[in-house]
């Protein structure tokens, strides 16, 4: 499974988003607001999800805003910041 598909599944499962199939989430749709419909509490959980699943830390609001823009942005952020073993 590629990282984008995995991200969609992890986000939907971990945030307990009902009635959304990961295949329905487009890579460039916003995660917050009109897109996936996440809110500020989801953002806090998303930070924890990234730490747990990918070893990524979001250090400030600017970084969070950029990383959480879409699945594409989150994918790129993970690849840029994930520690290689």
N, C-alpha and C. Protein backbone atom coordinates (compact mmCIF):
# COMPACT_ATOMS: atom_id res chain seq x y z
N UNK A 1 0.85 -1.18 0.00
CA UNK A 1 0.00 0.00 0.00
C UNK A 1 0.89 1.24 0.00
N UNK A 2 0.55 2.20 -0.84
CA UNK A 2 1.38 3.40 -0.87
C UNK A 2 1.04 4.31 0.32
N UNK A 3 1.93 5.23 0.61
CA UNK A 3 1.82 6.07 1.79
C UNK A 3 0.53 6.90 1.79
N UNK A 4 0.12 7.43 0.65
CA UNK A 4 -1.09 8.25 0.61
C UNK A 4 -2.31 7.43 0.99
N UNK A 5 -2.43 6.24 0.45
CA UNK A 5 -3.57 5.36 0.79
C UNK A 5 -3.52 4.99 2.26
N UNK A 6 -2.33 4.71 2.75
CA UNK A 6 -2.16 4.36 4.16
C UNK A 6 -2.57 5.53 5.05
N UNK A 7 -2.17 6.74 4.70
CA UNK A 7 -2.53 7.93 5.48
C UNK A 7 -4.04 8.09 5.56
N UNK A 8 -4.71 7.91 4.45
CA UNK A 8 -6.18 8.04 4.44
C UNK A 8 -6.81 7.03 5.39
N UNK A 9 -6.36 5.80 5.32
CA UNK A 9 -6.92 4.76 6.19
C UNK A 9 -6.62 5.02 7.66
N UNK A 10 -5.38 5.41 7.96
CA UNK A 10 -5.00 5.68 9.34
C UNK A 10 -5.79 6.85 9.90
N UNK A 11 -5.91 7.92 9.15
CA UNK A 11 -6.64 9.11 9.62
C UNK A 11 -8.10 8.75 9.88
N UNK A 12 -8.73 8.09 8.95
CA UNK A 12 -10.15 7.74 9.11
C UNK A 12 -10.36 6.79 10.29
N UNK A 13 -9.48 5.81 10.42
CA UNK A 13 -9.61 4.83 11.51
C UNK A 13 -9.32 5.48 12.86
N UNK A 14 -8.19 6.17 12.97
CA UNK A 14 -7.77 6.73 14.26
C UNK A 14 -8.67 7.87 14.73
N UNK A 15 -9.19 8.66 13.80
CA UNK A 15 -10.07 9.77 14.18
C UNK A 15 -11.53 9.34 14.22
N UNK A 16 -11.77 8.06 13.94
CA UNK A 16 -13.12 7.49 13.99
C UNK A 16 -14.10 8.29 13.14
N UNK A 17 -13.69 8.57 11.90
CA UNK A 17 -14.55 9.30 10.97
C UNK A 17 -15.50 8.30 10.33
N UNK A 18 -16.77 8.51 10.53
CA UNK A 18 -17.78 7.58 10.03
C UNK A 18 -18.26 8.02 8.65
N UNK A 19 -18.75 7.05 7.90
CA UNK A 19 -19.35 7.29 6.59
C UNK A 19 -18.39 7.87 5.56
N UNK A 20 -17.09 7.65 5.73
CA UNK A 20 -16.11 8.10 4.74
C UNK A 20 -15.24 6.91 4.37
N UNK A 21 -15.22 6.60 3.10
CA UNK A 21 -14.37 5.54 2.57
C UNK A 21 -13.04 6.18 2.19
N UNK A 22 -11.91 5.60 2.60
CA UNK A 22 -10.62 6.19 2.25
C UNK A 22 -10.47 6.44 0.75
N UNK A 23 -11.08 5.61 -0.07
CA UNK A 23 -10.99 5.78 -1.52
C UNK A 23 -11.70 7.05 -2.00
N UNK A 24 -12.62 7.56 -1.19
CA UNK A 24 -13.34 8.78 -1.55
C UNK A 24 -12.54 10.05 -1.30
N UNK A 25 -11.51 9.95 -0.49
CA UNK A 25 -10.70 11.12 -0.12
C UNK A 25 -9.70 11.39 -1.23
N UNK A 26 -9.80 12.56 -1.85
CA UNK A 26 -8.85 12.90 -2.91
C UNK A 26 -7.57 13.44 -2.28
N UNK A 27 -6.47 13.22 -2.97
CA UNK A 27 -5.16 13.59 -2.44
C UNK A 27 -4.98 15.08 -2.22
N UNK A 28 -5.68 15.90 -3.00
CA UNK A 28 -5.49 17.35 -2.88
C UNK A 28 -6.63 18.06 -2.14
N UNK A 29 -7.60 17.31 -1.65
CA UNK A 29 -8.71 17.91 -0.89
C UNK A 29 -8.20 18.38 0.47
N UNK A 30 -8.71 19.50 0.96
CA UNK A 30 -8.31 19.97 2.28
C UNK A 30 -8.71 18.97 3.36
N UNK A 31 -7.87 18.80 4.37
CA UNK A 31 -8.22 17.91 5.47
C UNK A 31 -9.20 18.59 6.42
N UNK A 32 -9.15 19.91 6.51
CA UNK A 32 -10.00 20.67 7.42
C UNK A 32 -11.06 21.44 6.63
N UNK A 33 -12.15 21.77 7.31
CA UNK A 33 -13.21 22.54 6.67
C UNK A 33 -13.97 21.71 5.65
N UNK A 34 -14.10 22.23 4.46
CA UNK A 34 -14.93 21.62 3.42
C UNK A 34 -14.43 20.26 2.94
N UNK A 35 -13.17 19.98 3.08
CA UNK A 35 -12.63 18.72 2.59
C UNK A 35 -13.07 17.55 3.45
N UNK A 36 -12.17 17.01 4.23
CA UNK A 36 -12.46 15.86 5.09
C UNK A 36 -13.27 16.28 6.32
N UNK A 37 -13.27 17.56 6.61
CA UNK A 37 -14.10 18.08 7.70
C UNK A 37 -13.47 18.00 9.08
N UNK A 38 -12.15 17.91 9.16
CA UNK A 38 -11.50 17.86 10.46
C UNK A 38 -11.58 19.22 11.14
N UNK A 39 -11.45 19.20 12.48
CA UNK A 39 -11.48 20.44 13.24
C UNK A 39 -10.23 20.55 14.12
N UNK A 40 -10.18 21.54 14.98
CA UNK A 40 -8.97 21.79 15.77
C UNK A 40 -8.66 20.65 16.74
N UNK A 41 -9.65 19.99 17.27
CA UNK A 41 -9.39 18.84 18.14
C UNK A 41 -8.80 17.68 17.34
N UNK A 42 -9.26 17.52 16.11
CA UNK A 42 -8.69 16.51 15.23
C UNK A 42 -7.22 16.82 14.93
N UNK A 43 -6.89 18.09 14.84
CA UNK A 43 -5.50 18.49 14.56
C UNK A 43 -4.57 18.01 15.67
N UNK A 44 -5.02 18.15 16.91
CA UNK A 44 -4.22 17.69 18.05
C UNK A 44 -4.03 16.17 17.95
N UNK A 45 -5.09 15.45 17.66
CA UNK A 45 -5.00 14.00 17.52
C UNK A 45 -4.12 13.62 16.35
N UNK A 46 -4.20 14.39 15.27
CA UNK A 46 -3.39 14.11 14.09
C UNK A 46 -1.90 14.24 14.39
N UNK A 47 -1.54 15.21 15.22
CA UNK A 47 -0.15 15.35 15.65
C UNK A 47 0.30 14.08 16.36
N UNK A 48 -0.54 13.55 17.23
CA UNK A 48 -0.22 12.33 17.97
C UNK A 48 -0.15 11.12 17.04
N UNK A 49 -1.03 11.06 16.07
CA UNK A 49 -1.03 9.97 15.09
C UNK A 49 0.28 9.96 14.30
N UNK A 50 0.72 11.13 13.87
CA UNK A 50 1.97 11.21 13.11
C UNK A 50 3.16 10.75 13.95
N UNK A 51 3.17 11.11 15.21
CA UNK A 51 4.24 10.70 16.11
C UNK A 51 4.22 9.18 16.29
N UNK A 52 3.04 8.63 16.52
CA UNK A 52 2.87 7.21 16.78
C UNK A 52 3.21 6.34 15.57
N UNK A 53 2.67 6.71 14.41
CA UNK A 53 2.80 5.86 13.22
C UNK A 53 4.05 6.14 12.38
N UNK A 54 4.52 7.39 12.39
CA UNK A 54 5.59 7.75 11.47
C UNK A 54 6.80 8.39 12.14
N UNK A 55 6.76 8.57 13.45
CA UNK A 55 7.89 9.17 14.15
C UNK A 55 8.11 10.63 13.81
N UNK A 56 7.06 11.31 13.39
CA UNK A 56 7.14 12.71 12.95
C UNK A 56 6.59 13.62 14.05
N UNK A 57 7.30 14.70 14.32
CA UNK A 57 6.82 15.69 15.28
C UNK A 57 6.49 16.99 14.54
N UNK A 58 5.34 17.53 14.86
CA UNK A 58 4.94 18.84 14.34
C UNK A 58 5.32 19.84 15.42
N UNK A 59 6.19 20.79 15.07
CA UNK A 59 6.79 21.65 16.09
C UNK A 59 6.05 22.97 16.32
N UNK A 60 5.29 23.44 15.34
CA UNK A 60 4.59 24.71 15.54
C UNK A 60 3.39 24.80 14.59
N UNK A 61 2.60 25.84 14.80
CA UNK A 61 1.37 26.01 14.01
C UNK A 61 1.63 26.22 12.53
N UNK A 62 2.71 26.91 12.20
CA UNK A 62 3.04 27.13 10.80
C UNK A 62 3.33 25.81 10.11
N UNK A 63 4.12 24.98 10.75
CA UNK A 63 4.43 23.67 10.19
C UNK A 63 3.16 22.81 10.10
N UNK A 64 2.32 22.87 11.11
CA UNK A 64 1.07 22.10 11.11
C UNK A 64 0.17 22.56 9.96
N UNK A 65 0.04 23.85 9.79
CA UNK A 65 -0.83 24.39 8.73
C UNK A 65 -0.38 23.90 7.36
N UNK A 66 0.91 23.89 7.14
CA UNK A 66 1.46 23.43 5.86
C UNK A 66 1.27 21.92 5.69
N UNK A 67 1.61 21.16 6.71
CA UNK A 67 1.56 19.70 6.64
C UNK A 67 0.13 19.18 6.54
N UNK A 68 -0.81 19.85 7.20
CA UNK A 68 -2.18 19.38 7.26
C UNK A 68 -3.06 19.96 6.16
N UNK A 69 -2.48 20.56 5.16
CA UNK A 69 -3.27 21.16 4.08
C UNK A 69 -4.05 20.12 3.28
N UNK A 70 -3.43 18.96 3.05
CA UNK A 70 -4.06 17.91 2.24
C UNK A 70 -3.28 16.61 2.45
N UNK A 71 -3.78 15.54 1.89
CA UNK A 71 -3.04 14.27 1.93
C UNK A 71 -1.71 14.45 1.20
N UNK A 72 -1.71 15.14 0.07
CA UNK A 72 -0.46 15.38 -0.66
C UNK A 72 0.56 16.10 0.22
N UNK A 73 0.12 17.14 0.92
CA UNK A 73 1.03 17.91 1.78
C UNK A 73 1.52 17.07 2.94
N UNK A 74 0.64 16.27 3.53
CA UNK A 74 1.03 15.41 4.64
C UNK A 74 2.02 14.35 4.18
N UNK A 75 1.77 13.78 3.03
CA UNK A 75 2.67 12.79 2.42
C UNK A 75 4.07 13.39 2.25
N UNK A 76 4.13 14.57 1.65
CA UNK A 76 5.41 15.22 1.40
C UNK A 76 6.13 15.57 2.72
N UNK A 77 5.36 16.00 3.71
CA UNK A 77 5.94 16.35 5.01
C UNK A 77 6.56 15.11 5.67
N UNK A 78 5.85 14.01 5.63
CA UNK A 78 6.36 12.77 6.23
C UNK A 78 7.65 12.34 5.53
N UNK A 79 7.64 12.34 4.21
CA UNK A 79 8.85 11.93 3.48
C UNK A 79 10.02 12.84 3.78
N UNK A 80 9.77 14.12 3.96
CA UNK A 80 10.85 15.08 4.21
C UNK A 80 11.39 15.00 5.64
N UNK A 81 10.56 14.55 6.59
CA UNK A 81 10.96 14.60 7.99
C UNK A 81 11.11 13.24 8.67
N UNK A 82 10.74 12.20 8.00
CA UNK A 82 10.84 10.88 8.63
C UNK A 82 12.31 10.48 8.78
N UNK A 83 12.63 9.98 9.94
CA UNK A 83 14.00 9.54 10.20
C UNK A 83 14.23 8.22 9.51
N UNK A 84 15.34 8.11 8.84
CA UNK A 84 15.68 6.86 8.18
C UNK A 84 16.36 5.94 9.20
N UNK A 85 16.03 4.69 9.11
CA UNK A 85 16.58 3.72 10.07
C UNK A 85 17.96 3.29 9.67
